[in-house]
């Protein structure tokens, strides 16, 4: 038989109070209605559960055995309801999503659009992060999640879910000898000074400069930059070049800079970075939308 937990709660209240009247007041029902519900439960089980002749009211032996197990079911039901309430609170919360200036684009908007459908009451706070803080901001809880680019020097305690892979491009001054080319390869860039960043990990700087080069040619480094705007100004003045992600072309424009695809370097993954142990409903929803956007991108591109 199916156990009606509503009736079990009535029985537990009567036993706890030792009195039908006090139990009825606690449950906000009338005394006769409560007595009727207990009788219904007894008929379903085929045994008497309450010794009505005792004062205070006590369970029968059958009632005592039944309640010792049934209370476990009540506690489990309470925990299940509490979990749903916590889930709803999560989905009515605030999501702090970090991003780098060059890591936004149509994929970010798709993620946020899908998240809004899954959790319409969520408020998303977008927080722009410096290049060197993209992962540490997640680890130290400055943000709940971030859209990041490689390389991440320390991934301990972090989870990375790839959103998409994008080609890499080189930013060149408009008058550069390669500026009219449709594509370039790394060997074309040998000998050119590359921007650097004294706040970022060396691994980050070298990865974006494609250092070391397949040709064995040492990479030269030029001016230090900390933002995409600084990078574009340095490139426009002809002081250095910069290899960056293809989505930058959609997000940034500068009259003195052109972007040329680099065909012989690995594409750049853009990933959702979250804390590995984070299991909140909101982060779970964000991970689901990230996966949906990635799968849709793969279907569209055949990747």
C-alpha atoms as a PDB file:
ATOM      1  CA  UNK A   1       0.000   0.000   0.000  1.00  0.00           C
ATOM      2  CA  UNK A   2       1.017   3.616  -0.533  1.00  0.00           C
ATOM      3  CA  UNK A   3       1.801   5.403   2.703  1.00  0.00           C
ATOM      4  CA  UNK A   4       0.075   8.777   3.080  1.00  0.00           C
ATOM      5  CA  UNK A   5       2.642  10.895   4.918  1.00  0.00           C
ATOM      6  CA  UNK A   6      -0.052  13.425   5.746  1.00  0.00           C
ATOM      7  CA  UNK A   7      -1.801  10.822   7.888  1.00  0.00           C
ATOM      8  CA  UNK A   8       1.502   9.750   9.427  1.00  0.00           C
ATOM      9  CA  UNK A   9       2.168  13.343  10.534  1.00  0.00           C
ATOM     10  CA  UNK A  10      -1.231  13.374  12.236  1.00  0.00           C
ATOM     11  CA  UNK A  11      -0.393  10.176  14.111  1.00  0.00           C
ATOM     12  CA  UNK A  12       3.014  11.503  15.183  1.00  0.00           C
ATOM     13  CA  UNK A  13       1.451  14.737  16.445  1.00  0.00           C
ATOM     14  CA  UNK A  14      -1.082  12.827  18.585  1.00  0.00           C
ATOM     15  CA  UNK A  15       1.634  10.635  20.096  1.00  0.00           C
ATOM     16  CA  UNK A  16       3.951  13.606  20.686  1.00  0.00           C
ATOM     17  CA  UNK A  17       1.232  15.642  22.388  1.00  0.00           C
ATOM     18  CA  UNK A  18      -0.407  12.686  24.166  1.00  0.00           C
ATOM     19  CA  UNK A  19      -3.749  14.361  23.605  1.00  0.00           C
ATOM     20  CA  UNK A  20      -6.063  14.660  20.584  1.00  0.00           C
ATOM     21  CA  UNK A  21      -7.119  18.199  21.430  1.00  0.00           C
ATOM     22  CA  UNK A  22      -3.584  19.604  21.735  1.00  0.00           C
ATOM     23  CA  UNK A  23      -2.516  17.757  18.580  1.00  0.00           C
ATOM     24  CA  UNK A  24      -5.515  19.153  16.698  1.00  0.00           C
ATOM     25  CA  UNK A  25      -4.632  22.692  17.792  1.00  0.00           C
ATOM     26  CA  UNK A  26      -1.023  22.178  16.682  1.00  0.00           C
ATOM     27  CA  UNK A  27      -2.186  20.910  13.286  1.00  0.00           C
ATOM     28  CA  UNK A  28      -4.900  23.571  12.889  1.00  0.00           C
ATOM     29  CA  UNK A  29      -7.658  20.993  12.427  1.00  0.00           C
ATOM     30  CA  UNK A  30     -10.660  20.069  14.529  1.00  0.00           C
ATOM     31  CA  UNK A  31     -10.524  17.248  17.079  1.00  0.00           C
ATOM     32  CA  UNK A  32     -13.138  15.092  15.305  1.00  0.00           C
ATOM     33  CA  UNK A  33     -11.405  15.564  11.951  1.00  0.00           C
ATOM     34  CA  UNK A  34      -8.075  14.494  13.449  1.00  0.00           C
ATOM     35  CA  UNK A  35      -9.631  11.414  15.073  1.00  0.00           C
ATOM     36  CA  UNK A  36     -11.203  10.487  11.737  1.00  0.00           C
ATOM     37  CA  UNK A  37      -7.858  10.728   9.960  1.00  0.00           C
ATOM     38  CA  UNK A  38      -6.178   8.464  12.519  1.00  0.00           C
ATOM     39  CA  UNK A  39      -8.998   5.931  12.047  1.00  0.00           C
ATOM     40  CA  UNK A  40      -8.440   6.075   8.294  1.00  0.00           C
ATOM     41  CA  UNK A  41      -4.761   5.254   8.763  1.00  0.00           C
ATOM     42  CA  UNK A  42      -5.580   2.399  11.147  1.00  0.00           C
ATOM     43  CA  UNK A  43      -8.037   0.900   8.642  1.00  0.00           C
ATOM     44  CA  UNK A  44      -5.425   1.091   5.886  1.00  0.00           C
ATOM     45  CA  UNK A  45      -2.846  -0.678   8.061  1.00  0.00           C
ATOM     46  CA  UNK A  46      -5.330  -3.104   9.601  1.00  0.00           C
ATOM     47  CA  UNK A  47      -4.219  -2.439  13.198  1.00  0.00           C
ATOM     48  CA  UNK A  48      -4.973  -0.032  16.025  1.00  0.00           C
ATOM     49  CA  UNK A  49      -2.189   2.491  16.416  1.00  0.00           C
ATOM     50  CA  UNK A  50      -3.438   4.520  19.399  1.00  0.00           C
ATOM     51  CA  UNK A  51      -4.512   3.379  22.873  1.00  0.00           C
ATOM     52  CA  UNK A  52      -7.370   5.837  23.331  1.00  0.00           C
ATOM     53  CA  UNK A  53      -8.116   4.590  26.872  1.00  0.00           C
ATOM     54  CA  UNK A  54      -4.750   5.753  28.205  1.00  0.00           C
ATOM     55  CA  UNK A  55      -4.177   9.211  29.647  1.00  0.00           C
ATOM     56  CA  UNK A  56      -2.121  10.646  28.169  1.00  0.00           C
ATOM     57  CA  UNK A  57      -2.777   8.933  24.840  1.00  0.00           C
ATOM     58  CA  UNK A  58       0.001   6.463  23.942  1.00  0.00           C
ATOM     59  CA  UNK A  59       0.711   4.322  20.902  1.00  0.00           C
ATOM     60  CA  UNK A  60      -0.111   0.644  20.901  1.00  0.00           C
ATOM     61  CA  UNK A  61       2.731  -1.804  20.343  1.00  0.00           C
ATOM     62  CA  UNK A  62       1.858  -1.792  16.640  1.00  0.00           C
ATOM     63  CA  UNK A  63       1.791   2.008  16.682  1.00  0.00           C
ATOM     64  CA  UNK A  64       5.148   2.203  18.430  1.00  0.00           C
ATOM     65  CA  UNK A  65       6.795  -0.117  15.875  1.00  0.00           C
ATOM     66  CA  UNK A  66       5.161   1.701  13.001  1.00  0.00           C
ATOM     67  CA  UNK A  67       6.221   5.160  14.164  1.00  0.00           C
ATOM     68  CA  UNK A  68       9.818   4.147  14.807  1.00  0.00           C
ATOM     69  CA  UNK A  69      10.168   3.536  11.057  1.00  0.00           C
ATOM     70  CA  UNK A  70       7.638   6.063   9.811  1.00  0.00           C
ATOM     71  CA  UNK A  71       9.415   8.968  11.500  1.00  0.00           C
ATOM     72  CA  UNK A  72      12.459   8.173   9.323  1.00  0.00           C
ATOM     73  CA  UNK A  73      10.244   8.534   6.255  1.00  0.00           C
ATOM     74  CA  UNK A  74       8.903  11.855   7.558  1.00  0.00           C
ATOM     75  CA  UNK A  75      12.425  13.154   8.156  1.00  0.00           C
ATOM     76  CA  UNK A  76      13.481  12.095   4.648  1.00  0.00           C
ATOM     77  CA  UNK A  77      10.438  13.829   3.164  1.00  0.00           C
ATOM     78  CA  UNK A  78      11.280  16.996   5.100  1.00  0.00           C
ATOM     79  CA  UNK A  79      14.839  16.903   3.780  1.00  0.00           C
ATOM     80  CA  UNK A  80      13.571  16.425   0.230  1.00  0.00           C
ATOM     81  CA  UNK A  81      11.258  19.437   0.529  1.00  0.00           C
ATOM     82  CA  UNK A  82      14.064  21.496   2.083  1.00  0.00           C
ATOM     83  CA  UNK A  83      16.313  20.601  -0.844  1.00  0.00           C
ATOM     84  CA  UNK A  84      13.728  21.908  -3.297  1.00  0.00           C
ATOM     85  CA  UNK A  85      13.296  25.087  -1.275  1.00  0.00           C
ATOM     86  CA  UNK A  86      17.062  25.601  -1.299  1.00  0.00           C
ATOM     87  CA  UNK A  87      17.071  24.988  -5.053  1.00  0.00           C
ATOM     88  CA  UNK A  88      14.404  27.646  -5.538  1.00  0.00           C
ATOM     89  CA  UNK A  89      16.341  30.105  -3.389  1.00  0.00           C
ATOM     90  CA  UNK A  90      19.441  29.436  -5.473  1.00  0.00           C
ATOM     91  CA  UNK A  91      17.530  30.121  -8.671  1.00  0.00           C
ATOM     92  CA  UNK A  92      16.297  33.432  -7.268  1.00  0.00           C
ATOM     93  CA  UNK A  93      19.800  34.566  -6.359  1.00  0.00           C
ATOM     94  CA  UNK A  94      22.564  36.619  -7.922  1.00  0.00           C
ATOM     95  CA  UNK A  95      25.166  35.088 -10.206  1.00  0.00           C
ATOM     96  CA  UNK A  96      28.469  36.958 -10.365  1.00  0.00           C
ATOM     97  CA  UNK A  97      29.963  36.056 -13.742  1.00  0.00           C
ATOM     98  CA  UNK A  98      33.494  37.194 -14.471  1.00  0.00           C
ATOM     99  CA  UNK A  99      34.793  37.793 -17.960  1.00  0.00           C
ATOM    100  CA  UNK A 100      37.871  39.143 -19.658  1.00  0.00           C
ATOM    101  CA  UNK A 101      37.482  42.043 -22.030  1.00  0.00           C
ATOM    102  CA  UNK A 102      38.230  39.833 -25.015  1.00  0.00           C
ATOM    103  CA  UNK A 103      36.321  36.708 -23.955  1.00  0.00           C
ATOM    104  CA  UNK A 104      32.788  37.948 -24.533  1.00  0.00           C
ATOM    105  CA  UNK A 105      30.831  37.452 -27.701  1.00  0.00           C
ATOM    106  CA  UNK A 106      27.786  35.721 -29.125  1.00  0.00           C
ATOM    107  CA  UNK A 107      28.528  32.560 -27.114  1.00  0.00           C
ATOM    108  CA  UNK A 108      28.330  34.551 -23.872  1.00  0.00           C
ATOM    109  CA  UNK A 109      24.999  36.048 -24.850  1.00  0.00           C
ATOM    110  CA  UNK A 110      23.650  32.604 -25.748  1.00  0.00           C
ATOM    111  CA  UNK A 111      24.693  31.230 -22.359  1.00  0.00           C
ATOM    112  CA  UNK A 112      22.985  34.073 -20.524  1.00  0.00           C
ATOM    113  CA  UNK A 113      19.847  33.813 -22.675  1.00  0.00           C
ATOM    114  CA  UNK A 114      19.516  30.093 -21.950  1.00  0.00           C
ATOM    115  CA  UNK A 115      20.239  30.614 -18.272  1.00  0.00           C
ATOM    116  CA  UNK A 116      17.457  33.210 -18.133  1.00  0.00           C
ATOM    117  CA  UNK A 117      15.030  30.610 -19.484  1.00  0.00           C
ATOM    118  CA  UNK A 118      16.168  27.971 -17.004  1.00  0.00           C
ATOM    119  CA  UNK A 119      16.276  30.364 -14.047  1.00  0.00           C
ATOM    120  CA  UNK A 120      14.220  33.465 -14.926  1.00  0.00           C
ATOM    121  CA  UNK A 121      14.505  34.968 -11.440  1.00  0.00           C
ATOM    122  CA  UNK A 122      18.319  34.999 -11.431  1.00  0.00           C
ATOM    123  CA  UNK A 123      20.129  38.321 -11.591  1.00  0.00           C
ATOM    124  CA  UNK A 124      23.462  38.153 -13.426  1.00  0.00           C
ATOM    125  CA  UNK A 125      26.202  40.562 -12.399  1.00  0.00           C
ATOM    126  CA  UNK A 126      28.916  40.773 -15.060  1.00  0.00           C
ATOM    127  CA  UNK A 127      32.342  41.555 -13.623  1.00  0.00           C
ATOM    128  CA  UNK A 128      35.260  42.421 -15.906  1.00  0.00           C
ATOM    129  CA  UNK A 129      38.468  40.751 -14.728  1.00  0.00           C
ATOM    130  CA  UNK A 130      42.105  41.596 -15.468  1.00  0.00           C
ATOM    131  CA  UNK A 131      43.846  38.942 -17.540  1.00  0.00           C
ATOM    132  CA  UNK A 132      45.933  37.752 -14.608  1.00  0.00           C
ATOM    133  CA  UNK A 133      42.919  37.341 -12.268  1.00  0.00           C
ATOM    134  CA  UNK A 134      40.615  35.308 -14.481  1.00  0.00           C
ATOM    135  CA  UNK A 135      40.983  32.071 -12.458  1.00  0.00           C
ATOM    136  CA  UNK A 136      42.016  33.400  -9.049  1.00  0.00           C
ATOM    137  CA  UNK A 137      38.816  35.476  -8.906  1.00  0.00           C
ATOM    138  CA  UNK A 138      36.832  32.221  -9.059  1.00  0.00           C
ATOM    139  CA  UNK A 139      39.017  30.442  -6.519  1.00  0.00           C
ATOM    140  CA  UNK A 140      38.831  33.257  -3.961  1.00  0.00           C
ATOM    141  CA  UNK A 141      35.055  33.723  -4.544  1.00  0.00           C
ATOM    142  CA  UNK A 142      35.271  37.232  -5.948  1.00  0.00           C
ATOM    143  CA  UNK A 143      32.987  35.812  -8.651  1.00  0.00           C
ATOM    144  CA  UNK A 144      30.913  32.631  -8.816  1.00  0.00           C
ATOM    145  CA  UNK A 145      32.133  31.695 -12.276  1.00  0.00           C
ATOM    146  CA  UNK A 146      34.157  33.184 -15.116  1.00  0.00           C
ATOM    147  CA  UNK A 147      34.623  32.804 -18.846  1.00  0.00           C
ATOM    148  CA  UNK A 148      38.342  32.249 -19.252  1.00  0.00           C
ATOM    149  CA  UNK A 149      41.024  31.727 -21.851  1.00  0.00           C
ATOM    150  CA  UNK A 150      44.137  29.591 -21.475  1.00  0.00           C
ATOM    151  CA  UNK A 151      46.553  29.007 -20.119  1.00  0.00           C
ATOM    152  CA  UNK A 152      45.493  28.615 -16.478  1.00  0.00           C
ATOM    153  CA  UNK A 153      48.688  28.119 -14.509  1.00  0.00           C
ATOM    154  CA  UNK A 154      46.974  26.537 -11.482  1.00  0.00           C
ATOM    155  CA  UNK A 155      43.745  24.586 -12.051  1.00  0.00           C
ATOM    156  CA  UNK A 156      43.697  22.989  -8.583  1.00  0.00           C
ATOM    157  CA  UNK A 157      40.150  23.103  -7.208  1.00  0.00           C
ATOM    158  CA  UNK A 158      38.757  24.478 -10.468  1.00  0.00           C
ATOM    159  CA  UNK A 159      36.522  22.963 -13.109  1.00  0.00           C
ATOM    160  CA  UNK A 160      36.785  24.040 -16.744  1.00  0.00           C
ATOM    161  CA  UNK A 161      33.887  23.387 -19.144  1.00  0.00           C
ATOM    162  CA  UNK A 162      34.779  24.301 -22.721  1.00  0.00           C
ATOM    163  CA  UNK A 163      32.261  26.610 -24.374  1.00  0.00           C
ATOM    164  CA  UNK A 164      33.881  26.721 -27.810  1.00  0.00           C
ATOM    165  CA  UNK A 165      37.199  26.802 -29.636  1.00  0.00           C
ATOM    166  CA  UNK A 166      38.052  29.873 -31.669  1.00  0.00           C
ATOM    167  CA  UNK A 167      40.835  30.515 -34.170  1.00  0.00           C
ATOM    168  CA  UNK A 168      43.649  32.847 -33.288  1.00  0.00           C
ATOM    169  CA  UNK A 169      44.404  36.062 -35.142  1.00  0.00           C
ATOM    170  CA  UNK A 170      47.292  38.494 -35.149  1.00  0.00           C
ATOM    171  CA  UNK A 171      46.709  42.198 -34.595  1.00  0.00           C
ATOM    172  CA  UNK A 172      48.888  44.260 -36.947  1.00  0.00           C
ATOM    173  CA  UNK A 173      49.208  47.995 -37.620  1.00  0.00           C
ATOM    174  CA  UNK A 174      47.286  48.946 -40.728  1.00  0.00           C
ATOM    175  CA  UNK A 175      50.482  49.816 -42.617  1.00  0.00           C
ATOM    176  CA  UNK A 176      52.272  46.553 -41.769  1.00  0.00           C
ATOM    177  CA  UNK A 177      53.852  44.540 -44.579  1.00  0.00           C
ATOM    178  CA  UNK A 178      51.408  41.655 -43.839  1.00  0.00           C
ATOM    179  CA  UNK A 179      48.299  43.782 -43.332  1.00  0.00           C
ATOM    180  CA  UNK A 180      46.802  42.985 -46.738  1.00  0.00           C
ATOM    181  CA  UNK A 181      47.295  39.222 -46.467  1.00  0.00           C
ATOM    182  CA  UNK A 182      44.245  36.940 -46.142  1.00  0.00           C
ATOM    183  CA  UNK A 183      46.103  34.678 -43.687  1.00  0.00           C
ATOM    184  CA  UNK A 184      49.554  34.341 -42.155  1.00  0.00           C
ATOM    185  CA  UNK A 185      51.621  31.579 -40.547  1.00  0.00           C
ATOM    186  CA  UNK A 186      53.882  31.892 -37.519  1.00  0.00           C
ATOM    187  CA  UNK A 187      57.025  32.003 -39.634  1.00  0.00           C
ATOM    188  CA  UNK A 188      55.707  35.233 -41.176  1.00  0.00           C
ATOM    189  CA  UNK A 189      55.751  36.776 -37.688  1.00  0.00           C
ATOM    190  CA  UNK A 190      59.269  35.738 -36.714  1.00  0.00           C
ATOM    191  CA  UNK A 191      61.377  38.689 -35.659  1.00  0.00           C
ATOM    192  CA  UNK A 192      58.379  40.905 -34.857  1.00  0.00           C
ATOM    193  CA  UNK A 193      58.220  42.306 -31.295  1.00  0.00           C
ATOM    194  CA  UNK A 194      55.264  40.938 -29.353  1.00  0.00           C
ATOM    195  CA  UNK A 195      53.382  42.670 -26.538  1.00  0.00           C
ATOM    196  CA  UNK A 196      53.975  41.386 -23.019  1.00  0.00           C
ATOM    197  CA  UNK A 197      52.265  41.727 -19.619  1.00  0.00           C
ATOM    198  CA  UNK A 198      54.237  42.039 -16.382  1.00  0.00           C
ATOM    199  CA  UNK A 199      51.204  41.179 -14.237  1.00  0.00           C
ATOM    200  CA  UNK A 200      50.365  37.886 -15.901  1.00  0.00           C
ATOM    201  CA  UNK A 201      52.112  34.565 -15.463  1.00  0.00           C
ATOM    202  CA  UNK A 202      55.002  34.015 -17.885  1.00  0.00           C
ATOM    203  CA  UNK A 203      53.239  30.903 -19.137  1.00  0.00           C
ATOM    204  CA  UNK A 204      50.315  33.097 -20.214  1.00  0.00           C
ATOM    205  CA  UNK A 205      52.508  35.567 -22.094  1.00  0.00           C
ATOM    206  CA  UNK A 206      54.485  32.845 -23.862  1.00  0.00           C
ATOM    207  CA  UNK A 207      51.376  30.852 -24.854  1.00  0.00           C
ATOM    208  CA  UNK A 208      49.810  33.839 -26.562  1.00  0.00           C
ATOM    209  CA  UNK A 209      53.077  34.790 -28.229  1.00  0.00           C
ATOM    210  CA  UNK A 210      53.413  31.177 -29.488  1.00  0.00           C
ATOM    211  CA  UNK A 211      56.789  31.009 -27.787  1.00  0.00           C
ATOM    212  CA  UNK A 212      58.767  28.895 -28.593  1.00  0.00           C
ATOM    213  CA  UNK A 213      58.222  29.088 -32.340  1.00  0.00           C
ATOM    214  CA  UNK A 214      58.390  26.019 -34.619  1.00  0.00           C
ATOM    215  CA  UNK A 215      61.149  27.752 -36.559  1.00  0.00           C
ATOM    216  CA  UNK A 216      63.331  28.019 -33.468  1.00  0.00           C
ATOM    217  CA  UNK A 217      63.455  31.796 -33.903  1.00  0.00           C
ATOM    218  CA  UNK A 218      63.475  33.509 -30.475  1.00  0.00           C
ATOM    219  CA  UNK A 219      60.414  35.629 -29.774  1.00  0.00           C
ATOM    220  CA  UNK A 220      61.149  39.280 -29.109  1.00  0.00           C
ATOM    221  CA  UNK A 221      59.015  41.143 -26.577  1.00  0.00           C
ATOM    222  CA  UNK A 222      58.097  44.793 -26.734  1.00  0.00           C
ATOM    223  CA  UNK A 223      55.845  47.095 -24.702  1.00  0.00           C
ATOM    224  CA  UNK A 224      53.885  45.929 -21.658  1.00  0.00           C
ATOM    225  CA  UNK A 225      50.088  46.096 -21.849  1.00  0.00           C
ATOM    226  CA  UNK A 226      47.392  45.173 -19.333  1.00  0.00           C
ATOM    227  CA  UNK A 227      44.150  45.708 -21.261  1.00  0.00           C
ATOM    228  CA  UNK A 228      42.850  45.151 -24.777  1.00  0.00           C
ATOM    229  CA  UNK A 229      42.587  48.897 -25.342  1.00  0.00           C
ATOM    230  CA  UNK A 230      46.255  49.345 -24.400  1.00  0.00           C
ATOM    231  CA  UNK A 231      47.162  46.445 -26.685  1.00  0.00           C
ATOM    232  CA  UNK A 232      45.395  47.981 -29.675  1.00  0.00           C
ATOM    233  CA  UNK A 233      47.036  51.373 -29.134  1.00  0.00           C
ATOM    234  CA  UNK A 234      50.496  49.801 -28.970  1.00  0.00           C
ATOM    235  CA  UNK A 235      49.824  47.805 -32.146  1.00  0.00           C
ATOM    236  CA  UNK A 236      48.375  50.823 -33.972  1.00  0.00           C
ATOM    237  CA  UNK A 237      51.560  52.783 -33.242  1.00  0.00           C
ATOM    238  CA  UNK A 238      53.633  49.988 -34.772  1.00  0.00           C
ATOM    239  CA  UNK A 239      55.486  49.233 -31.538  1.00  0.00           C
ATOM    240  CA  UNK A 240      54.523  45.534 -31.412  1.00  0.00           C
ATOM    241  CA  UNK A 241      52.144  42.906 -32.720  1.00  0.00           C
ATOM    242  CA  UNK A 242      49.780  40.698 -30.699  1.00  0.00           C
ATOM    243  CA  UNK A 243      48.263  37.256 -31.239  1.00  0.00           C
ATOM    244  CA  UNK A 244      44.804  37.020 -29.729  1.00  0.00           C
ATOM    245  CA  UNK A 245      41.487  35.175 -30.008  1.00  0.00           C
ATOM    246  CA  UNK A 246      39.244  35.452 -33.032  1.00  0.00           C
ATOM    247  CA  UNK A 247      36.276  36.794 -31.061  1.00  0.00           C
ATOM    248  CA  UNK A 248      38.251  39.989 -30.425  1.00  0.00           C
ATOM    249  CA  UNK A 249      37.477  40.930 -34.021  1.00  0.00           C
ATOM    250  CA  UNK A 250      33.763  41.042 -33.145  1.00  0.00           C
ATOM    251  CA  UNK A 251      34.273  42.946 -29.900  1.00  0.00           C
ATOM    252  CA  UNK A 252      36.968  45.522 -30.731  1.00  0.00           C
ATOM    253  CA  UNK A 253      37.625  47.916 -33.564  1.00  0.00           C
ATOM    254  CA  UNK A 254      40.522  50.315 -34.065  1.00  0.00           C
ATOM    255  CA  UNK A 255      41.074  52.337 -37.233  1.00  0.00           C
ATOM    256  CA  UNK A 256      44.805  51.682 -37.082  1.00  0.00           C
ATOM    257  CA  UNK A 257      44.647  47.909 -36.548  1.00  0.00           C
ATOM    258  CA  UNK A 258      43.826  44.921 -38.756  1.00  0.00           C
ATOM    259  CA  UNK A 259      43.299  41.319 -37.652  1.00  0.00           C
ATOM    260  CA  UNK A 260      44.684  38.496 -39.787  1.00  0.00           C
ATOM    261  CA  UNK A 261      43.989  34.780 -39.117  1.00  0.00           C
ATOM    262  CA  UNK A 262      47.030  32.719 -38.103  1.00  0.00           C
ATOM    263  CA  UNK A 263      46.518  29.317 -39.699  1.00  0.00           C
ATOM    264  CA  UNK A 264      49.176  27.113 -38.115  1.00  0.00           C
ATOM    265  CA  UNK A 265      48.463  27.548 -34.373  1.00  0.00           C
ATOM    266  CA  UNK A 266      46.065  25.580 -32.196  1.00  0.00           C
ATOM    267  CA  UNK A 267      42.699  27.221 -31.627  1.00  0.00           C
ATOM    268  CA  UNK A 268      41.942  28.909 -28.329  1.00  0.00           C
ATOM    269  CA  UNK A 269      39.354  27.320 -26.021  1.00  0.00           C
ATOM    270  CA  UNK A 270      36.997  29.605 -24.125  1.00  0.00           C
ATOM    271  CA  UNK A 271      35.839  27.817 -20.970  1.00  0.00           C
ATOM    272  CA  UNK A 272      33.462  28.293 -18.086  1.00  0.00           C
ATOM    273  CA  UNK A 273      35.541  28.219 -14.910  1.00  0.00           C
ATOM    274  CA  UNK A 274      33.802  27.247 -11.651  1.00  0.00           C
ATOM    275  CA  UNK A 275      34.925  25.857  -8.323  1.00  0.00           C
ATOM    276  CA  UNK A 276      35.108  22.092  -8.630  1.00  0.00           C
ATOM    277  CA  UNK A 277      33.215  21.434  -5.393  1.00  0.00           C
ATOM    278  CA  UNK A 278      30.452  23.960  -6.174  1.00  0.00           C
ATOM    279  CA  UNK A 279      27.167  22.074  -6.490  1.00  0.00           C
ATOM    280  CA  UNK A 280      24.565  24.820  -6.089  1.00  0.00           C
ATOM    281  CA  UNK A 281      21.489  24.740  -8.303  1.00  0.00           C
ATOM    282  CA  UNK A 282      22.527  28.013  -9.936  1.00  0.00           C
ATOM    283  CA  UNK A 283      25.988  26.787 -10.938  1.00  0.00           C
ATOM    284  CA  UNK A 284      24.461  23.494 -12.120  1.00  0.00           C
ATOM    285  CA  UNK A 285      22.087  25.484 -14.344  1.00  0.00           C
ATOM    286  CA  UNK A 286      25.001  27.552 -15.673  1.00  0.00           C
ATOM    287  CA  UNK A 287      26.966  24.398 -16.495  1.00  0.00           C
ATOM    288  CA  UNK A 288      23.950  22.938 -18.314  1.00  0.00           C
ATOM    289  CA  UNK A 289      23.532  26.038 -20.453  1.00  0.00           C
ATOM    290  CA  UNK A 290      27.252  26.045 -21.223  1.00  0.00           C
ATOM    291  CA  UNK A 291      27.021  22.448 -22.406  1.00  0.00           C
ATOM    292  CA  UNK A 292      23.965  23.269 -24.538  1.00  0.00           C
ATOM    293  CA  UNK A 293      25.748  26.202 -26.201  1.00  0.00           C
ATOM    294  CA  UNK A 294      28.832  24.065 -26.881  1.00  0.00           C
ATOM    295  CA  UNK A 295      26.758  21.243 -28.392  1.00  0.00           C
ATOM    296  CA  UNK A 296      24.826  23.682 -30.580  1.00  0.00           C
ATOM    297  CA  UNK A 297      28.105  25.233 -31.771  1.00  0.00           C
ATOM    298  CA  UNK A 298      29.517  21.791 -32.604  1.00  0.00           C
ATOM    299  CA  UNK A 299      26.417  20.890 -34.613  1.00  0.00           C
ATOM    300  CA  UNK A 300      26.537  24.180 -36.510  1.00  0.00           C
ATOM    301  CA  UNK A 301      30.244  24.038 -37.302  1.00  0.00           C
ATOM    302  CA  UNK A 302      30.632  20.269 -37.572  1.00  0.00           C
ATOM    303  CA  UNK A 303      33.427  20.453 -34.972  1.00  0.00           C
END
